[in-house]
Amino acid sequence: MSVVKEKMSASALLDDIYKNVKMGADSIINLLSRVKDEGERVEMTRQLDGYEKLAQKASRLMSEIGMKPKEESAMARASAKIGMAMNTMIDSSSSHIAEMMVQGSTMGITDMLRKISEAEEQGMRGEVISLAREVVDFEQHAVEKMKAFL
């Protein structure tokens, strides 16, 4: 049985980009109160600013094509928040928080690279692909910065 791939449209990729960066920002917001290391707090705050700027870029591109950004459901956000709270209840060390950040960014990178590949295979080019690559670059840099706290 063959699997039929859904055609990756610019709007679908923009939606994925927006959700990716909003999830990154929400994760940082949920974790910041547990961060004890000042250097780690500064780095995470810098990353939060970067995620918010990327979300604004995605939102602007969405608006240009008549889309409105879709937020994750309240249930999905609450589930993520509870998961992080439980995870840091057991271990709230700087290295554990850094590990959580690295894992989250790595999942975001992997997902975004797969979406970029699908879109490019279908001939997509332009600003949306450029923004998706910017997200990947940002998250790769974020991973490198967080490794200092492992």
Foldseek 3Di string as FASTA:
>chain_A
DDDDDDQQDLLNLLQLQLALLVVLLLLLVLLLVLDDDPLLNVLSVVSNVVSVVLNVVSQVVCVVVPHHHDYDDPVVSVVSSVVVVVQVVVPSALLSSLVVLLVSLVVSLVVLVVSLVSNVVVPDDDDSSVSSVVSNVSSVVSNVSSVVRD
